[in-house]
């Protein structure tokens, strides 16, 4: 499940960079990786003997992975927020809505790829 979620995240990130995916898809994919990783770690914790050395070493990993995934989620939200602010400010200059500007930019990048 983690591998599939990671693959989906990579595809969403690639599509977002090319302007072919929404931020919601990127955020949902990132949360999918976080959720499947947490689920895997919890399954390991449940199956492990709670007093074993492996279980004792696994607990800090669970804690660190939760913190890291939360941090990545915050960073992604900040990045997307920053991108939206820039898009809104540019759209004011060219006098169109952010959505129209996004469409124009996608069309331009698609035209540039064909040549």
PDB file of N, CA and C in Angstrom:
ATOM      1  N   UNK A   1       0.812  -1.197   0.000  1.00  0.00           N
ATOM      2  CA  UNK A   1       0.000   0.000   0.000  1.00  0.00           C
ATOM      3  C   UNK A   1       0.857   1.262   0.000  1.00  0.00           C
ATOM      4  N   UNK A   2       1.965   1.232   0.731  1.00  0.00           N
ATOM      5  CA  UNK A   2       2.828   2.403   0.789  1.00  0.00           C
ATOM      6  C   UNK A   2       3.433   2.670  -0.582  1.00  0.00           C
ATOM      7  N   UNK A   3       3.860   1.607  -1.243  1.00  0.00           N
ATOM      8  CA  UNK A   3       4.466   1.769  -2.573  1.00  0.00           C
ATOM      9  C   UNK A   3       3.464   2.342  -3.570  1.00  0.00           C
ATOM     10  N   UNK A   4       2.241   1.844  -3.544  1.00  0.00           N
ATOM     11  CA  UNK A   4       1.211   2.349  -4.461  1.00  0.00           C
ATOM     12  C   UNK A   4       0.900   3.815  -4.164  1.00  0.00           C
ATOM     13  N   UNK A   5       0.811   4.164  -2.882  1.00  0.00           N
ATOM     14  CA  UNK A   5       0.536   5.553  -2.504  1.00  0.00           C
ATOM     15  C   UNK A   5       1.679   6.465  -2.924  1.00  0.00           C
ATOM     16  N   UNK A   6       2.908   5.975  -2.779  1.00  0.00           N
ATOM     17  CA  UNK A   6       4.072   6.770  -3.172  1.00  0.00           C
ATOM     18  C   UNK A   6       4.097   6.976  -4.677  1.00  0.00           C
ATOM     19  N   UNK A   7       3.755   5.945  -5.410  1.00  0.00           N
ATOM     20  CA  UNK A   7       3.691   6.050  -6.868  1.00  0.00           C
ATOM     21  C   UNK A   7       2.643   7.084  -7.287  1.00  0.00           C
ATOM     22  N   UNK A   8       1.494   7.040  -6.626  1.00  0.00           N
ATOM     23  CA  UNK A   8       0.427   8.013  -6.910  1.00  0.00           C
ATOM     24  C   UNK A   8       0.895   9.426  -6.598  1.00  0.00           C
ATOM     25  N   UNK A   9       1.632   9.584  -5.496  1.00  0.00           N
ATOM     26  CA  UNK A   9       2.161  10.905  -5.129  1.00  0.00           C
ATOM     27  C   UNK A   9       3.138  11.410  -6.181  1.00  0.00           C
ATOM     28  N   UNK A  10       4.013  10.539  -6.652  1.00  0.00           N
ATOM     29  CA  UNK A  10       4.986  10.938  -7.686  1.00  0.00           C
ATOM     30  C   UNK A  10       4.271  11.357  -8.967  1.00  0.00           C
ATOM     31  N   UNK A  11       3.254  10.604  -9.361  1.00  0.00           N
ATOM     32  CA  UNK A  11       2.491  10.946 -10.560  1.00  0.00           C
ATOM     33  C   UNK A  11       1.779  12.287 -10.385  1.00  0.00           C
ATOM     34  N   UNK A  12       1.198  12.504  -9.210  1.00  0.00           N
ATOM     35  CA  UNK A  12       0.490  13.760  -8.947  1.00  0.00           C
ATOM     36  C   UNK A  12       1.464  14.939  -8.933  1.00  0.00           C
ATOM     37  N   UNK A  13       2.632  14.740  -8.349  1.00  0.00           N
ATOM     38  CA  UNK A  13       3.635  15.807  -8.314  1.00  0.00           C
ATOM     39  C   UNK A  13       4.118  16.139  -9.716  1.00  0.00           C
ATOM     40  N   UNK A  14       4.360  15.115 -10.504  1.00  0.00           N
ATOM     41  CA  UNK A  14       4.797  15.328 -11.884  1.00  0.00           C
ATOM     42  C   UNK A  14       3.725  16.073 -12.680  1.00  0.00           C
ATOM     43  N   UNK A  15       2.479  15.656 -12.519  1.00  0.00           N
ATOM     44  CA  UNK A  15       1.377  16.318 -13.226  1.00  0.00           C
ATOM     45  C   UNK A  15       1.217  17.763 -12.750  1.00  0.00           C
ATOM     46  N   UNK A  16       1.406  17.995 -11.449  1.00  0.00           N
ATOM     47  CA  UNK A  16       1.273  19.353 -10.907  1.00  0.00           C
ATOM     48  C   UNK A  16       2.364  20.265 -11.458  1.00  0.00           C
ATOM     49  N   UNK A  17       3.572  19.746 -11.551  1.00  0.00           N
ATOM     50  CA  UNK A  17       4.677  20.544 -12.088  1.00  0.00           C
ATOM     51  C   UNK A  17       4.404  20.917 -13.538  1.00  0.00           C
ATOM     52  N   UNK A  18       3.781  20.010 -14.268  1.00  0.00           N
ATOM     53  CA  UNK A  18       3.460  20.264 -15.670  1.00  0.00           C
ATOM     54  C   UNK A  18       2.172  21.066 -15.829  1.00  0.00           C
ATOM     55  N   UNK A  19       1.493  21.333 -14.712  1.00  0.00           N
ATOM     56  CA  UNK A  19       0.264  22.115 -14.759  1.00  0.00           C
ATOM     57  C   UNK A  19      -0.958  21.314 -15.142  1.00  0.00           C
ATOM     58  N   UNK A  20      -0.891  19.981 -14.981  1.00  0.00           N
ATOM     59  CA  UNK A  20      -2.009  19.130 -15.385  1.00  0.00           C
ATOM     60  C   UNK A  20      -2.776  18.523 -14.225  1.00  0.00           C
ATOM     61  N   UNK A  21      -2.466  18.912 -12.996  1.00  0.00           N
ATOM     62  CA  UNK A  21      -3.165  18.350 -11.837  1.00  0.00           C
ATOM     63  C   UNK A  21      -3.471  19.455 -10.842  1.00  0.00           C
ATOM     64  N   UNK A  22      -4.507  19.229 -10.070  1.00  0.00           N
ATOM     65  CA  UNK A  22      -4.895  20.220  -9.068  1.00  0.00           C
ATOM     66  C   UNK A  22      -4.081  20.027  -7.793  1.00  0.00           C
ATOM     67  N   UNK A  23      -4.042  21.064  -6.985  1.00  0.00           N
ATOM     68  CA  UNK A  23      -3.335  20.975  -5.708  1.00  0.00           C
ATOM     69  C   UNK A  23      -4.020  19.978  -4.799  1.00  0.00           C
ATOM     70  N   UNK A  24      -5.337  19.872  -4.934  1.00  0.00           N
ATOM     71  CA  UNK A  24      -6.077  18.936  -4.096  1.00  0.00           C
ATOM     72  C   UNK A  24      -5.599  17.508  -4.324  1.00  0.00           C
ATOM     73  N   UNK A  25      -5.323  17.166  -5.586  1.00  0.00           N
ATOM     74  CA  UNK A  25      -4.846  15.819  -5.892  1.00  0.00           C
ATOM     75  C   UNK A  25      -3.478  15.584  -5.276  1.00  0.00           C
ATOM     76  N   UNK A  26      -2.638  16.594  -5.317  1.00  0.00           N
ATOM     77  CA  UNK A  26      -1.304  16.489  -4.733  1.00  0.00           C
ATOM     78  C   UNK A  26      -1.386  16.321  -3.218  1.00  0.00           C
ATOM     79  N   UNK A  27      -2.219  17.121  -2.577  1.00  0.00           N
ATOM     80  CA  UNK A  27      -2.384  17.036  -1.124  1.00  0.00           C
ATOM     81  C   UNK A  27      -2.986  15.693  -0.741  1.00  0.00           C
ATOM     82  N   UNK A  28      -4.003  15.258  -1.476  1.00  0.00           N
ATOM     83  CA  UNK A  28      -4.628  13.965  -1.186  1.00  0.00           C
ATOM     84  C   UNK A  28      -3.628  12.824  -1.347  1.00  0.00           C
ATOM     85  N   UNK A  29      -2.769  12.916  -2.358  1.00  0.00           N
ATOM     86  CA  UNK A  29      -1.756  11.880  -2.571  1.00  0.00           C
ATOM     87  C   UNK A  29      -0.747  11.863  -1.433  1.00  0.00           C
ATOM     88  N   UNK A  30      -0.332  13.036  -0.982  1.00  0.00           N
ATOM     89  CA  UNK A  30       0.614  13.122   0.141  1.00  0.00           C
ATOM     90  C   UNK A  30      -0.006  12.544   1.409  1.00  0.00           C
ATOM     91  N   UNK A  31      -1.276  12.849   1.635  1.00  0.00           N
ATOM     92  CA  UNK A  31      -1.955  12.294   2.803  1.00  0.00           C
ATOM     93  C   UNK A  31      -2.124  10.786   2.677  1.00  0.00           C
ATOM     94  N   UNK A  32      -2.282  10.298   1.445  1.00  0.00           N
ATOM     95  CA  UNK A  32      -2.372   8.850   1.224  1.00  0.00           C
ATOM     96  C   UNK A  32      -1.091   8.143   1.627  1.00  0.00           C
ATOM     97  N   UNK A  33       0.047   8.749   1.298  1.00  0.00           N
ATOM     98  CA  UNK A  33       1.334   8.177   1.707  1.00  0.00           C
ATOM     99  C   UNK A  33       1.428   8.179   3.232  1.00  0.00           C
ATOM    100  N   UNK A  34       1.056   9.288   3.839  1.00  0.00           N
ATOM    101  CA  UNK A  34       1.115   9.390   5.301  1.00  0.00           C
ATOM    102  C   UNK A  34       0.231   8.338   5.957  1.00  0.00           C
ATOM    103  N   UNK A  35      -0.980   8.200   5.456  1.00  0.00           N
ATOM    104  CA  UNK A  35      -1.916   7.250   6.047  1.00  0.00           C
ATOM    105  C   UNK A  35      -1.472   5.808   5.866  1.00  0.00           C
ATOM    106  N   UNK A  36      -0.996   5.461   4.676  1.00  0.00           N
ATOM    107  CA  UNK A  36      -0.578   4.077   4.448  1.00  0.00           C
ATOM    108  C   UNK A  36       0.686   3.747   5.234  1.00  0.00           C
ATOM    109  N   UNK A  37       1.588   4.722   5.400  1.00  0.00           N
ATOM    110  CA  UNK A  37       2.787   4.510   6.210  1.00  0.00           C
ATOM    111  C   UNK A  37       2.399   4.300   7.670  1.00  0.00           C
ATOM    112  N   UNK A  38       1.505   5.131   8.168  1.00  0.00           N
ATOM    113  CA  UNK A  38       1.046   4.993   9.556  1.00  0.00           C
ATOM    114  C   UNK A  38       0.361   3.644   9.752  1.00  0.00           C
ATOM    115  N   UNK A  39      -0.432   3.236   8.770  1.00  0.00           N
ATOM    116  CA  UNK A  39      -1.131   1.954   8.874  1.00  0.00           C
ATOM    117  C   UNK A  39      -0.136   0.793   8.906  1.00  0.00           C
ATOM    118  N   UNK A  40       0.893   0.857   8.083  1.00  0.00           N
ATOM    119  CA  UNK A  40       1.919  -0.182   8.060  1.00  0.00           C
ATOM    120  C   UNK A  40       2.646  -0.251   9.405  1.00  0.00           C
ATOM    121  N   UNK A  41       3.030   0.902   9.917  1.00  0.00           N
ATOM    122  CA  UNK A  41       3.737   0.917  11.198  1.00  0.00           C
ATOM    123  C   UNK A  41       2.852   0.407  12.335  1.00  0.00           C
ATOM    124  N   UNK A  42       1.589   0.768  12.322  1.00  0.00           N
ATOM    125  CA  UNK A  42       0.685   0.302  13.376  1.00  0.00           C
ATOM    126  C   UNK A  42       0.469  -1.212  13.273  1.00  0.00           C
ATOM    127  N   UNK A  43       0.392  -1.730  12.063  1.00  0.00           N
ATOM    128  CA  UNK A  43       0.243  -3.180  11.886  1.00  0.00           C
ATOM    129  C   UNK A  43       1.465  -3.900  12.436  1.00  0.00           C
ATOM    130  N   UNK A  44       2.633  -3.328  12.215  1.00  0.00           N
ATOM    131  CA  UNK A  44       3.862  -3.914  12.765  1.00  0.00           C
ATOM    132  C   UNK A  44       3.831  -3.898  14.286  1.00  0.00           C
ATOM    133  N   UNK A  45       3.357  -2.796  14.850  1.00  0.00           N
ATOM    134  CA  UNK A  45       3.292  -2.683  16.305  1.00  0.00           C
ATOM    135  C   UNK A  45       2.314  -3.704  16.896  1.00  0.00           C
ATOM    136  N   UNK A  46       1.191  -3.895  16.224  1.00  0.00           N
ATOM    137  CA  UNK A  46       0.182  -4.827  16.726  1.00  0.00           C
ATOM    138  C   UNK A  46       0.710  -6.261  16.683  1.00  0.00           C
ATOM    139  N   UNK A  47       1.404  -6.609  15.609  1.00  0.00           N
ATOM    140  CA  UNK A  47       1.895  -7.977  15.454  1.00  0.00           C
ATOM    141  C   UNK A  47       3.122  -8.277  16.311  1.00  0.00           C
ATOM    142  N   UNK A  48       3.863  -7.253  16.674  1.00  0.00           N
ATOM    143  CA  UNK A  48       5.089  -7.463  17.438  1.00  0.00           C
ATOM    144  C   UNK A  48       4.772  -7.749  18.903  1.00  0.00           C
ATOM    145  N   UNK A  49       5.624  -8.537  19.516  1.00  0.00           N
ATOM    146  CA  UNK A  49       5.550  -8.746  20.955  1.00  0.00           C
ATOM    147  C   UNK A  49       5.920  -7.416  21.609  1.00  0.00           C
ATOM    148  N   UNK A  50       5.017  -6.858  22.393  1.00  0.00           N
ATOM    149  CA  UNK A  50       5.197  -5.518  22.949  1.00  0.00           C
ATOM    150  C   UNK A  50       6.446  -5.381  23.821  1.00  0.00           C
ATOM    151  N   UNK A  51       6.962  -6.496  24.306  1.00  0.00           N
ATOM    152  CA  UNK A  51       8.135  -6.445  25.176  1.00  0.00           C
ATOM    153  C   UNK A  51       9.418  -6.815  24.434  1.00  0.00           C
ATOM    154  N   UNK A  52       9.302  -7.063  23.149  1.00  0.00           N
ATOM    155  CA  UNK A  52      10.488  -7.454  22.394  1.00  0.00           C
ATOM    156  C   UNK A  52      11.352  -6.239  22.078  1.00  0.00           C
ATOM    157  N   UNK A  53      12.594  -6.534  21.765  1.00  0.00           N
ATOM    158  CA  UNK A  53      13.534  -5.463  21.420  1.00  0.00           C
ATOM    159  C   UNK A  53      13.091  -4.757  20.132  1.00  0.00           C
ATOM    160  N   UNK A  54      12.579  -5.519  19.166  1.00  0.00           N
ATOM    161  CA  UNK A  54      12.122  -4.925  17.903  1.00  0.00           C
ATOM    162  C   UNK A  54      10.969  -3.954  18.117  1.00  0.00           C
ATOM    163  N   UNK A  55      10.033  -4.333  18.988  1.00  0.00           N
ATOM    164  CA  UNK A  55       8.898  -3.441  19.263  1.00  0.00           C
ATOM    165  C   UNK A  55       9.381  -2.155  19.946  1.00  0.00           C
ATOM    166  N   UNK A  56      10.348  -2.289  20.820  1.00  0.00           N
ATOM    167  CA  UNK A  56      10.889  -1.121  21.505  1.00  0.00           C
ATOM    168  C   UNK A  56      11.586  -0.183  20.525  1.00  0.00           C
ATOM    169  N   UNK A  57      12.248  -0.755  19.511  1.00  0.00           N
ATOM    170  CA  UNK A  57      12.913   0.081  18.501  1.00  0.00           C
ATOM    171  C   UNK A  57      11.918   0.665  17.511  1.00  0.00           C
ATOM    172  N   UNK A  58      10.795  -0.002  17.328  1.00  0.00           N
ATOM    173  CA  UNK A  58       9.791   0.458  16.363  1.00  0.00           C
ATOM    174  C   UNK A  58       9.040   1.692  16.868  1.00  0.00           C
ATOM    175  N   UNK A  59       8.819   1.786  18.162  1.00  0.00           N
ATOM    176  CA  UNK A  59       8.029   2.893  18.721  1.00  0.00           C
ATOM    177  C   UNK A  59       8.593   4.271  18.367  1.00  0.00           C
ATOM    178  N   UNK A  60       9.892   4.521  18.520  1.00  0.00           N
ATOM    179  CA  UNK A  60      10.413   5.838  18.125  1.00  0.00           C
ATOM    180  C   UNK A  60      10.254   6.100  16.619  1.00  0.00           C
ATOM    181  N   UNK A  61      10.327   5.047  15.822  1.00  0.00           N
ATOM    182  CA  UNK A  61      10.129   5.222  14.378  1.00  0.00           C
ATOM    183  C   UNK A  61       8.714   5.683  14.065  1.00  0.00           C
ATOM    184  N   UNK A  62       7.751   5.112  14.763  1.00  0.00           N
ATOM    185  CA  UNK A  62       6.353   5.508  14.578  1.00  0.00           C
ATOM    186  C   UNK A  62       6.200   6.991  14.915  1.00  0.00           C
ATOM    187  N   UNK A  63       6.762   7.390  16.041  1.00  0.00           N
ATOM    188  CA  UNK A  63       6.664   8.789  16.477  1.00  0.00           C
ATOM    189  C   UNK A  63       7.339   9.725  15.478  1.00  0.00           C
ATOM    190  N   UNK A  64       8.557   9.375  15.063  1.00  0.00           N
ATOM    191  CA  UNK A  64       9.283  10.235  14.112  1.00  0.00           C
ATOM    192  C   UNK A  64       8.585  10.311  12.768  1.00  0.00           C
ATOM    193  N   UNK A  65       8.041   9.191  12.301  1.00  0.00           N
ATOM    194  CA  UNK A  65       7.373   9.214  10.993  1.00  0.00           C
ATOM    195  C   UNK A  65       6.125  10.088  11.045  1.00  0.00           C
ATOM    196  N   UNK A  66       5.383  10.024  12.148  1.00  0.00           N
ATOM    197  CA  UNK A  66       4.210  10.899  12.290  1.00  0.00           C
ATOM    198  C   UNK A  66       4.613  12.370  12.240  1.00  0.00           C
ATOM    199  N   UNK A  67       5.651  12.703  12.966  1.00  0.00           N
ATOM    200  CA  UNK A  67       6.114  14.098  12.997  1.00  0.00           C
ATOM    201  C   UNK A  67       6.574  14.546  11.612  1.00  0.00           C
ATOM    202  N   UNK A  68       7.342  13.698  10.946  1.00  0.00           N
ATOM    203  CA  UNK A  68       7.869  14.060   9.631  1.00  0.00           C
ATOM    204  C   UNK A  68       6.745  14.222   8.619  1.00  0.00           C
ATOM    205  N   UNK A  69       5.797  13.307   8.632  1.00  0.00           N
ATOM    206  CA  UNK A  69       4.688  13.395   7.683  1.00  0.00           C
ATOM    207  C   UNK A  69       3.830  14.625   7.948  1.00  0.00           C
ATOM    208  N   UNK A  70       3.643  14.972   9.212  1.00  0.00           N
ATOM    209  CA  UNK A  70       2.908  16.190   9.553  1.00  0.00           C
ATOM    210  C   UNK A  70       3.663  17.418   9.064  1.00  0.00           C
ATOM    211  N   UNK A  71       4.976  17.398   9.240  1.00  0.00           N
ATOM    212  CA  UNK A  71       5.806  18.515   8.781  1.00  0.00           C
ATOM    213  C   UNK A  71       5.729  18.666   7.265  1.00  0.00           C
ATOM    214  N   UNK A  72       5.820  17.558   6.551  1.00  0.00           N
ATOM    215  CA  UNK A  72       5.724  17.614   5.079  1.00  0.00           C
ATOM    216  C   UNK A  72       4.380  18.154   4.637  1.00  0.00           C
ATOM    217  N   UNK A  73       3.333  17.732   5.321  1.00  0.00           N
ATOM    218  CA  UNK A  73       1.993  18.210   4.973  1.00  0.00           C
ATOM    219  C   UNK A  73       1.899  19.720   5.159  1.00  0.00           C
ATOM    220  N   UNK A  74       2.447  20.228   6.253  1.00  0.00           N
ATOM    221  CA  UNK A  74       2.440  21.680   6.489  1.00  0.00           C
ATOM    222  C   UNK A  74       3.241  22.415   5.420  1.00  0.00           C
ATOM    223  N   UNK A  75       4.422  21.877   5.101  1.00  0.00           N
ATOM    224  CA  UNK A  75       5.268  22.513   4.090  1.00  0.00           C
ATOM    225  C   UNK A  75       4.581  22.535   2.735  1.00  0.00           C
ATOM    226  N   UNK A  76       3.915  21.450   2.390  1.00  0.00           N
ATOM    227  CA  UNK A  76       3.199  21.388   1.124  1.00  0.00           C
ATOM    228  C   UNK A  76       2.078  22.414   1.088  1.00  0.00           C
ATOM    229  N   UNK A  77       1.344  22.533   2.186  1.00  0.00           N
ATOM    230  CA  UNK A  77       0.270  23.532   2.248  1.00  0.00           C
ATOM    231  C   UNK A  77       0.817  24.949   2.127  1.00  0.00           C
ATOM    232  N   UNK A  78       1.958  25.221   2.762  1.00  0.00           N
ATOM    233  CA  UNK A  78       2.576  26.553   2.651  1.00  0.00           C
ATOM    234  C   UNK A  78       3.025  26.829   1.220  1.00  0.00           C
ATOM    235  N   UNK A  79       3.625  25.839   0.594  1.00  0.00           N
ATOM    236  CA  UNK A  79       4.074  25.995  -0.792  1.00  0.00           C
ATOM    237  C   UNK A  79       2.897  26.280  -1.716  1.00  0.00           C
ATOM    238  N   UNK A  80       1.843  25.517  -1.573  1.00  0.00           N
ATOM    239  CA  UNK A  80       0.671  25.720  -2.426  1.00  0.00           C
ATOM    240  C   UNK A  80       0.018  27.069  -2.162  1.00  0.00           C
ATOM    241  N   UNK A  81      -0.010  27.473  -0.913  1.00  0.00           N
ATOM    242  CA  UNK A  81      -0.564  28.780  -0.569  1.00  0.00           C
ATOM    243  C   UNK A  81       0.262  29.891  -1.219  1.00  0.00           C
ATOM    244  N   UNK A  82       1.570  29.752  -1.166  1.00  0.00           N
ATOM    245  CA  UNK A  82       2.468  30.730  -1.785  1.00  0.00           C
ATOM    246  C   UNK A  82       2.258  30.791  -3.296  1.00  0.00           C
ATOM    247  N   UNK A  83       2.125  29.623  -3.910  1.00  0.00           N
ATOM    248  CA  UNK A  83       1.899  29.574  -5.355  1.00  0.00           C
ATOM    249  C   UNK A  83       0.580  30.246  -5.719  1.00  0.00           C
ATOM    250  N   UNK A  84      -0.456  30.022  -4.908  1.00  0.00           N
ATOM    251  CA  UNK A  84      -1.756  30.644  -5.168  1.00  0.00           C
ATOM    252  C   UNK A  84      -1.688  32.158  -5.041  1.00  0.00           C
ATOM    253  N   UNK A  85      -0.935  32.649  -4.051  1.00  0.00           N
ATOM    254  CA  UNK A  85      -0.794  34.101  -3.884  1.00  0.00           C
ATOM    255  C   UNK A  85      -0.111  34.710  -5.100  1.00  0.00           C
ATOM    256  N   UNK A  86       0.940  34.052  -5.570  1.00  0.00           N
ATOM    257  CA  UNK A  86       1.642  34.564  -6.754  1.00  0.00           C
ATOM    258  C   UNK A  86       0.741  34.556  -7.977  1.00  0.00           C
ATOM    259  N   UNK A  87      -0.020  33.490  -8.135  1.00  0.00           N
ATOM    260  CA  UNK A  87      -0.929  33.396  -9.270  1.00  0.00           C
ATOM    261  C   UNK A  87      -1.980  34.502  -9.214  1.00  0.00           C
ATOM    262  N   UNK A  88      -2.502  34.779  -8.013  1.00  0.00           N
ATOM    263  CA  UNK A  88      -3.492  35.859  -7.872  1.00  0.00           C
ATOM    264  C   UNK A  88      -2.872  37.213  -8.188  1.00  0.00           C
ATOM    265  N   UNK A  89      -1.628  37.435  -7.732  1.00  0.00           N
ATOM    266  CA  UNK A  89      -1.021  38.742  -7.992  1.00  0.00           C
ATOM    267  C   UNK A  89      -0.709  38.920  -9.474  1.00  0.00           C
ATOM    268  N   UNK A  90      -0.253  37.878 -10.138  1.00  0.00           N
ATOM    269  CA  UNK A  90       0.004  37.965 -11.584  1.00  0.00           C
ATOM    270  C   UNK A  90      -1.305  38.144 -12.339  1.00  0.00           C
ATOM    271  N   UNK A  91      -2.349  37.451 -11.895  1.00  0.00           N
ATOM    272  CA  UNK A  91      -3.635  37.561 -12.597  1.00  0.00           C
ATOM    273  C   UNK A  91      -4.210  38.971 -12.501  1.00  0.00           C
ATOM    274  N   UNK A  92      -3.917  39.680 -11.417  1.00  0.00           N
ATOM    275  CA  UNK A  92      -4.375  41.077 -11.307  1.00  0.00           C
ATOM    276  C   UNK A  92      -3.674  41.950 -12.336  1.00  0.00           C
ATOM    277  N   UNK A  93      -2.387  41.692 -12.555  1.00  0.00           N
ATOM    278  CA  UNK A  93      -1.612  42.480 -13.507  1.00  0.00           C
ATOM    279  C   UNK A  93      -2.124  42.268 -14.930  1.00  0.00           C
ATOM    280  N   UNK A  94      -2.432  41.031 -15.281  1.00  0.00           N
ATOM    281  CA  UNK A  94      -2.890  40.756 -16.644  1.00  0.00           C
ATOM    282  C   UNK A  94      -4.412  40.821 -16.773  1.00  0.00           C
ATOM    283  N   UNK A  95      -5.060  41.188 -15.667  1.00  0.00           N
ATOM    284  CA  UNK A  95      -6.509  41.428 -15.633  1.00  0.00           C
ATOM    285  C   UNK A  95      -7.335  40.215 -16.088  1.00  0.00           C
ATOM    286  N   UNK A  96      -7.132  39.123 -15.387  1.00  0.00           N
ATOM    287  CA  UNK A  96      -7.970  37.948 -15.598  1.00  0.00           C
ATOM    288  C   UNK A  96      -8.036  37.197 -14.269  1.00  0.00           C
ATOM    289  N   UNK A  97      -8.898  36.208 -14.195  1.00  0.00           N
ATOM    290  CA  UNK A  97      -8.993  35.434 -12.961  1.00  0.00           C
ATOM    291  C   UNK A  97      -7.817  34.472 -12.886  1.00  0.00           C
ATOM    292  N   UNK A  98      -7.469  34.023 -11.673  1.00  0.00           N
ATOM    293  CA  UNK A  98      -6.386  33.045 -11.557  1.00  0.00           C
ATOM    294  C   UNK A  98      -6.635  31.798 -12.409  1.00  0.00           C
ATOM    295  N   UNK A  99      -7.895  31.360 -12.468  1.00  0.00           N
ATOM    296  CA  UNK A  99      -8.227  30.182 -13.267  1.00  0.00           C
ATOM    297  C   UNK A  99      -7.946  30.441 -14.749  1.00  0.00           C
ATOM    298  N   UNK A 100      -8.336  31.608 -15.265  1.00  0.00           N
ATOM    299  CA  UNK A 100      -8.074  31.939 -16.666  1.00  0.00           C
ATOM    300  C   UNK A 100      -6.578  32.010 -16.940  1.00  0.00           C
ATOM    301  N   UNK A 101      -5.834  32.593 -16.007  1.00  0.00           N
ATOM    302  CA  UNK A 101      -4.388  32.674 -16.170  1.00  0.00           C
ATOM    303  C   UNK A 101      -3.768  31.285 -16.201  1.00  0.00           C
ATOM    304  N   UNK A 102      -4.238  30.427 -15.309  1.00  0.00           N
ATOM    305  CA  UNK A 102      -3.734  29.055 -15.268  1.00  0.00           C
ATOM    306  C   UNK A 102      -4.006  28.355 -16.598  1.00  0.00           C
ATOM    307  N   UNK A 103      -5.182  28.559 -17.140  1.00  0.00           N
ATOM    308  CA  UNK A 103      -5.523  27.963 -18.444  1.00  0.00           C
ATOM    309  C   UNK A 103      -4.610  28.507 -19.544  1.00  0.00           C
ATOM    310  N   UNK A 104      -4.388  29.805 -19.518  1.00  0.00           N
ATOM    311  CA  UNK A 104      -3.511  30.414 -20.521  1.00  0.00           C
ATOM    312  C   UNK A 104      -2.093  29.855 -20.430  1.00  0.00           C
ATOM    313  N   UNK A 105      -1.581  29.728 -19.196  1.00  0.00           N
ATOM    314  CA  UNK A 105      -0.227  29.216 -19.005  1.00  0.00           C
ATOM    315  C   UNK A 105      -0.117  27.764 -19.460  1.00  0.00           C
ATOM    316  N   UNK A 106      -1.128  26.973 -19.166  1.00  0.00           N
ATOM    317  CA  UNK A 106      -1.113  25.571 -19.612  1.00  0.00           C
ATOM    318  C   UNK A 106      -1.112  25.486 -21.132  1.00  0.00           C
ATOM    319  N   UNK A 107      -1.946  26.303 -21.755  1.00  0.00           N
ATOM    320  CA  UNK A 107      -2.012  26.311 -23.217  1.00  0.00           C
ATOM    321  C   UNK A 107      -0.647  26.705 -23.804  1.00  0.00           C
ATOM    322  N   UNK A 108      -0.027  27.729 -23.210  1.00  0.00           N
ATOM    323  CA  UNK A 108       1.282  28.195 -23.674  1.00  0.00           C
ATOM    324  C   UNK A 108       2.311  27.083 -23.547  1.00  0.00           C
ATOM    325  N   UNK A 109       2.327  26.402 -22.389  1.00  0.00           N
ATOM    326  CA  UNK A 109       3.325  25.355 -22.181  1.00  0.00           C
ATOM    327  C   UNK A 109       3.068  24.183 -23.123  1.00  0.00           C
ATOM    328  N   UNK A 110       1.816  23.908 -23.418  1.00  0.00           N
ATOM    329  CA  UNK A 110       1.495  22.814 -24.355  1.00  0.00           C
ATOM    330  C   UNK A 110       1.927  23.194 -25.782  1.00  0.00           C
ATOM    331  N   UNK A 111       1.715  24.462 -26.132  1.00  0.00           N
ATOM    332  CA  UNK A 111       2.126  24.910 -27.467  1.00  0.00           C
ATOM    333  C   UNK A 111       3.644  24.861 -27.604  1.00  0.00           C
ATOM    334  N   UNK A 112       4.342  25.220 -26.525  1.00  0.00           N
ATOM    335  CA  UNK A 112       5.801  25.223 -26.544  1.00  0.00           C
ATOM    336  C   UNK A 112       6.379  23.823 -26.675  1.00  0.00           C
ATOM    337  N   UNK A 113       5.684  22.819 -26.158  1.00  0.00           N
ATOM    338  CA  UNK A 113       6.168  21.445 -26.222  1.00  0.00           C
ATOM    339  C   UNK A 113       6.071  20.883 -27.621  1.00  0.00           C
ATOM    340  N   UNK A 114       5.117  21.370 -28.381  1.00  0.00           N
ATOM    341  CA  UNK A 114       4.901  20.838 -29.725  1.00  0.00           C
ATOM    342  C   UNK A 114       5.943  21.302 -30.721  1.00  0.00           C
ATOM    343  N   UNK A 115       6.621  22.387 -30.406  1.00  0.00           N
ATOM    344  CA  UNK A 115       7.580  22.922 -31.370  1.00  0.00           C
ATOM    345  C   UNK A 115       8.986  22.477 -31.127  1.00  0.00           C
TER     346      UNK A 115
END
